[in-house]
Each structure stands twice: as structure tokens, then as C-alpha cells.
Amino acid sequence: MLTMTNPARTRIQQRGIPEVVVENLLDFGRETYDHHGSRVVYF
């Protein structure tokens, strides 16, 4: 099970994204930074 904020969990649920997809994204996706303090993860 992933550890994430309640707003993040709510947003993922609203968008219908399965938790396994988020896990795979974090495990196998590529990561960049947006130079504003956030990271962007994508397949």
C-alpha cells in the first residue's frame, strides 16, 4: 500500500486510476523536476 496524502488519494480515486498503476509509475517511471519544488513522474 502506498503512503500518500488524503488529497492525493482522493484525486486518484476521482480520476479512476488504479493504485497498481500509481505503484508501477513510481517503480518504473522516469522522474524530472519542474524547478518549482515538485517532481514529475511519467512512463
PDB file of N, CA and C in Angstrom:
ATOM      1  N   MET A   1       0.841  -1.188   0.000  1.00  0.00           N
ATOM      2  CA  MET A   1       0.000   0.000   0.000  1.00  0.00           C
ATOM      3  C   MET A   1       0.884   1.249   0.000  1.00  0.00           C
ATOM      4  N   LEU A   2       0.511   2.198  -0.811  1.00  0.00           N
ATOM      5  CA  LEU A   2       1.264   3.440  -0.914  1.00  0.00           C
ATOM      6  C   LEU A   2       0.949   4.372   0.247  1.00  0.00           C
ATOM      7  N   THR A   3       1.929   5.166   0.618  1.00  0.00           N
ATOM      8  CA  THR A   3       1.705   6.223   1.587  1.00  0.00           C
ATOM      9  C   THR A   3       1.557   7.517   0.818  1.00  0.00           C
ATOM     10  N   MET A   4       0.403   8.156   0.942  1.00  0.00           N
ATOM     11  CA  MET A   4       0.170   9.423   0.248  1.00  0.00           C
ATOM     12  C   MET A   4      -0.803  10.266   1.051  1.00  0.00           C
ATOM     13  N   THR A   5      -0.860  11.532   0.722  1.00  0.00           N
ATOM     14  CA  THR A   5      -1.749  12.437   1.432  1.00  0.00           C
ATOM     15  C   THR A   5      -3.204  12.110   1.093  1.00  0.00           C
ATOM     16  N   ASN A   6      -4.095  12.524   1.967  1.00  0.00           N
ATOM     17  CA  ASN A   6      -5.521  12.318   1.703  1.00  0.00           C
ATOM     18  C   ASN A   6      -5.977  13.020   0.433  1.00  0.00           C
ATOM     19  N   PRO A   7      -5.531  14.274   0.166  1.00  0.00           N
ATOM     20  CA  PRO A   7      -5.934  14.892  -1.096  1.00  0.00           C
ATOM     21  C   PRO A   7      -5.459  14.123  -2.326  1.00  0.00           C
ATOM     22  N   ALA A   8      -4.254  13.567  -2.255  1.00  0.00           N
ATOM     23  CA  ALA A   8      -3.741  12.781  -3.380  1.00  0.00           C
ATOM     24  C   ALA A   8      -4.571  11.520  -3.578  1.00  0.00           C
ATOM     25  N   ARG A   9      -4.881  10.844  -2.500  1.00  0.00           N
ATOM     26  CA  ARG A   9      -5.694   9.628  -2.587  1.00  0.00           C
ATOM     27  C   ARG A   9      -7.079   9.948  -3.157  1.00  0.00           C
ATOM     28  N   THR A  10      -7.666  11.053  -2.719  1.00  0.00           N
ATOM     29  CA  THR A  10      -8.980  11.459  -3.219  1.00  0.00           C
ATOM     30  C   THR A  10      -8.923  11.755  -4.707  1.00  0.00           C
ATOM     31  N   ARG A  11      -7.895  12.476  -5.148  1.00  0.00           N
ATOM     32  CA  ARG A  11      -7.770  12.847  -6.552  1.00  0.00           C
ATOM     33  C   ARG A  11      -7.589  11.609  -7.431  1.00  0.00           C
ATOM     34  N   ILE A  12      -6.768  10.675  -6.971  1.00  0.00           N
ATOM     35  CA  ILE A  12      -6.563   9.434  -7.726  1.00  0.00           C
ATOM     36  C   ILE A  12      -7.877   8.664  -7.847  1.00  0.00           C
ATOM     37  N   GLN A  13      -8.633   8.625  -6.756  1.00  0.00           N
ATOM     38  CA  GLN A  13      -9.923   7.935  -6.770  1.00  0.00           C
ATOM     39  C   GLN A  13     -10.901   8.639  -7.709  1.00  0.00           C
ATOM     40  N   GLN A  14     -10.947   9.972  -7.679  1.00  0.00           N
ATOM     41  CA  GLN A  14     -11.837  10.727  -8.561  1.00  0.00           C
ATOM     42  C   GLN A  14     -11.518  10.474 -10.024  1.00  0.00           C
ATOM     43  N   ARG A  15     -10.250  10.294 -10.329  1.00  0.00           N
ATOM     44  CA  ARG A  15      -9.834  10.085 -11.722  1.00  0.00           C
ATOM     45  C   ARG A  15      -9.898   8.626 -12.138  1.00  0.00           C
ATOM     46  N   GLY A  16     -10.206   7.735 -11.202  1.00  0.00           N
ATOM     47  CA  GLY A  16     -10.360   6.328 -11.534  1.00  0.00           C
ATOM     48  C   GLY A  16      -9.057   5.636 -11.860  1.00  0.00           C
ATOM     49  N   ILE A  17      -7.964   6.083 -11.261  1.00  0.00           N
ATOM     50  CA  ILE A  17      -6.656   5.487 -11.519  1.00  0.00           C
ATOM     51  C   ILE A  17      -6.432   4.366 -10.506  1.00  0.00           C
ATOM     52  N   PRO A  18      -6.230   3.137 -10.961  1.00  0.00           N
ATOM     53  CA  PRO A  18      -5.976   2.035 -10.035  1.00  0.00           C
ATOM     54  C   PRO A  18      -4.660   2.239  -9.279  1.00  0.00           C
ATOM     55  N   GLU A  19      -4.643   1.835  -8.028  1.00  0.00           N
ATOM     56  CA  GLU A  19      -3.447   2.010  -7.201  1.00  0.00           C
ATOM     57  C   GLU A  19      -2.247   1.280  -7.786  1.00  0.00           C
ATOM     58  N   VAL A  20      -2.470   0.154  -8.434  1.00  0.00           N
ATOM     59  CA  VAL A  20      -1.365  -0.598  -9.033  1.00  0.00           C
ATOM     60  C   VAL A  20      -0.677   0.221 -10.128  1.00  0.00           C
ATOM     61  N   VAL A  21      -1.423   1.051 -10.844  1.00  0.00           N
ATOM     62  CA  VAL A  21      -0.832   1.896 -11.880  1.00  0.00           C
ATOM     63  C   VAL A  21       0.082   2.933 -11.238  1.00  0.00           C
ATOM     64  N   VAL A  22      -0.349   3.514 -10.138  1.00  0.00           N
ATOM     65  CA  VAL A  22       0.474   4.502  -9.441  1.00  0.00           C
ATOM     66  C   VAL A  22       1.742   3.836  -8.899  1.00  0.00           C
ATOM     67  N   GLU A  23       1.600   2.630  -8.356  1.00  0.00           N
ATOM     68  CA  GLU A  23       2.766   1.901  -7.851  1.00  0.00           C
ATOM     69  C   GLU A  23       3.758   1.628  -8.976  1.00  0.00           C
ATOM     70  N   ASN A  24       3.253   1.172 -10.123  1.00  0.00           N
ATOM     71  CA  ASN A  24       4.128   0.894 -11.273  1.00  0.00           C
ATOM     72  C   ASN A  24       4.779   2.174 -11.789  1.00  0.00           C
ATOM     73  N   LEU A  25       4.030   3.255 -11.796  1.00  0.00           N
ATOM     74  CA  LEU A  25       4.593   4.529 -12.229  1.00  0.00           C
ATOM     75  C   LEU A  25       5.756   4.923 -11.338  1.00  0.00           C
ATOM     76  N   LEU A  26       5.595   4.807 -10.046  1.00  0.00           N
ATOM     77  CA  LEU A  26       6.662   5.184  -9.127  1.00  0.00           C
ATOM     78  C   LEU A  26       7.846   4.217  -9.195  1.00  0.00           C
ATOM     79  N   ASP A  27       7.567   2.940  -9.474  1.00  0.00           N
ATOM     80  CA  ASP A  27       8.636   1.942  -9.550  1.00  0.00           C
ATOM     81  C   ASP A  27       9.413   2.010 -10.873  1.00  0.00           C
ATOM     82  N   PHE A  28       8.696   2.244 -11.977  1.00  0.00           N
ATOM     83  CA  PHE A  28       9.310   2.105 -13.290  1.00  0.00           C
ATOM     84  C   PHE A  28       9.321   3.384 -14.124  1.00  0.00           C
ATOM     85  N   GLY A  29       8.661   4.436 -13.655  1.00  0.00           N
ATOM     86  CA  GLY A  29       8.570   5.668 -14.428  1.00  0.00           C
ATOM     87  C   GLY A  29       9.849   6.483 -14.372  1.00  0.00           C
ATOM     88  N   ARG A  30       9.928   7.466 -15.222  1.00  0.00           N
ATOM     89  CA  ARG A  30      11.053   8.397 -15.238  1.00  0.00           C
ATOM     90  C   ARG A  30      10.669   9.629 -14.431  1.00  0.00           C
ATOM     91  N   GLU A  31      11.673  10.265 -13.864  1.00  0.00           N
ATOM     92  CA  GLU A  31      11.423  11.389 -12.970  1.00  0.00           C
ATOM     93  C   GLU A  31      12.211  12.615 -13.416  1.00  0.00           C
ATOM     94  N   THR A  32      11.540  13.738 -13.449  1.00  0.00           N
ATOM     95  CA  THR A  32      12.190  15.025 -13.696  1.00  0.00           C
ATOM     96  C   THR A  32      11.681  16.008 -12.653  1.00  0.00           C
ATOM     97  N   TYR A  33      12.320  17.147 -12.567  1.00  0.00           N
ATOM     98  CA  TYR A  33      11.908  18.178 -11.624  1.00  0.00           C
ATOM     99  C   TYR A  33      11.408  19.381 -12.400  1.00  0.00           C
ATOM    100  N   ASP A  34      10.420  20.074 -11.842  1.00  0.00           N
ATOM    101  CA  ASP A  34       9.827  21.205 -12.550  1.00  0.00           C
ATOM    102  C   ASP A  34      10.449  22.545 -12.167  1.00  0.00           C
ATOM    103  N   HIS A  35      11.495  22.529 -11.365  1.00  0.00           N
ATOM    104  CA  HIS A  35      12.209  23.729 -10.929  1.00  0.00           C
ATOM    105  C   HIS A  35      11.343  24.663 -10.085  1.00  0.00           C
ATOM    106  N   HIS A  36      10.235  24.111  -9.552  1.00  0.00           N
ATOM    107  CA  HIS A  36       9.375  24.857  -8.634  1.00  0.00           C
ATOM    108  C   HIS A  36       9.153  24.053  -7.356  1.00  0.00           C
ATOM    109  N   GLY A  37       9.996  23.034  -7.140  1.00  0.00           N
ATOM    110  CA  GLY A  37       9.907  22.234  -5.933  1.00  0.00           C
ATOM    111  C   GLY A  37       9.122  20.937  -6.066  1.00  0.00           C
ATOM    112  N   SER A  38       8.643  20.635  -7.247  1.00  0.00           N
ATOM    113  CA  SER A  38       7.884  19.399  -7.458  1.00  0.00           C
ATOM    114  C   SER A  38       8.637  18.475  -8.401  1.00  0.00           C
ATOM    115  N   ARG A  39       8.293  17.214  -8.338  1.00  0.00           N
ATOM    116  CA  ARG A  39       8.845  16.271  -9.299  1.00  0.00           C
ATOM    117  C   ARG A  39       7.731  15.773 -10.190  1.00  0.00           C
ATOM    118  N   VAL A  40       8.075  15.479 -11.418  1.00  0.00           N
ATOM    119  CA  VAL A  40       7.138  14.974 -12.405  1.00  0.00           C
ATOM    120  C   VAL A  40       7.564  13.561 -12.748  1.00  0.00           C
ATOM    121  N   VAL A  41       6.654  12.601 -12.600  1.00  0.00           N
ATOM    122  CA  VAL A  41       6.958  11.203 -12.882  1.00  0.00           C
ATOM    123  C   VAL A  41       6.052  10.769 -14.038  1.00  0.00           C
ATOM    124  N   TYR A  42       6.650  10.116 -15.024  1.00  0.00           N
ATOM    125  CA  TYR A  42       5.895   9.695 -16.201  1.00  0.00           C
ATOM    126  C   TYR A  42       6.445   8.384 -16.732  1.00  0.00           C
ATOM    127  N   PHE A  43       5.629   7.689 -17.516  1.00  0.00           N
ATOM    128  CA  PHE A  43       6.063   6.441 -18.146  1.00  0.00           C
ATOM    129  C   PHE A  43       6.839   6.763 -19.393  1.00  0.00           C
TER     130      PHE A  43
END
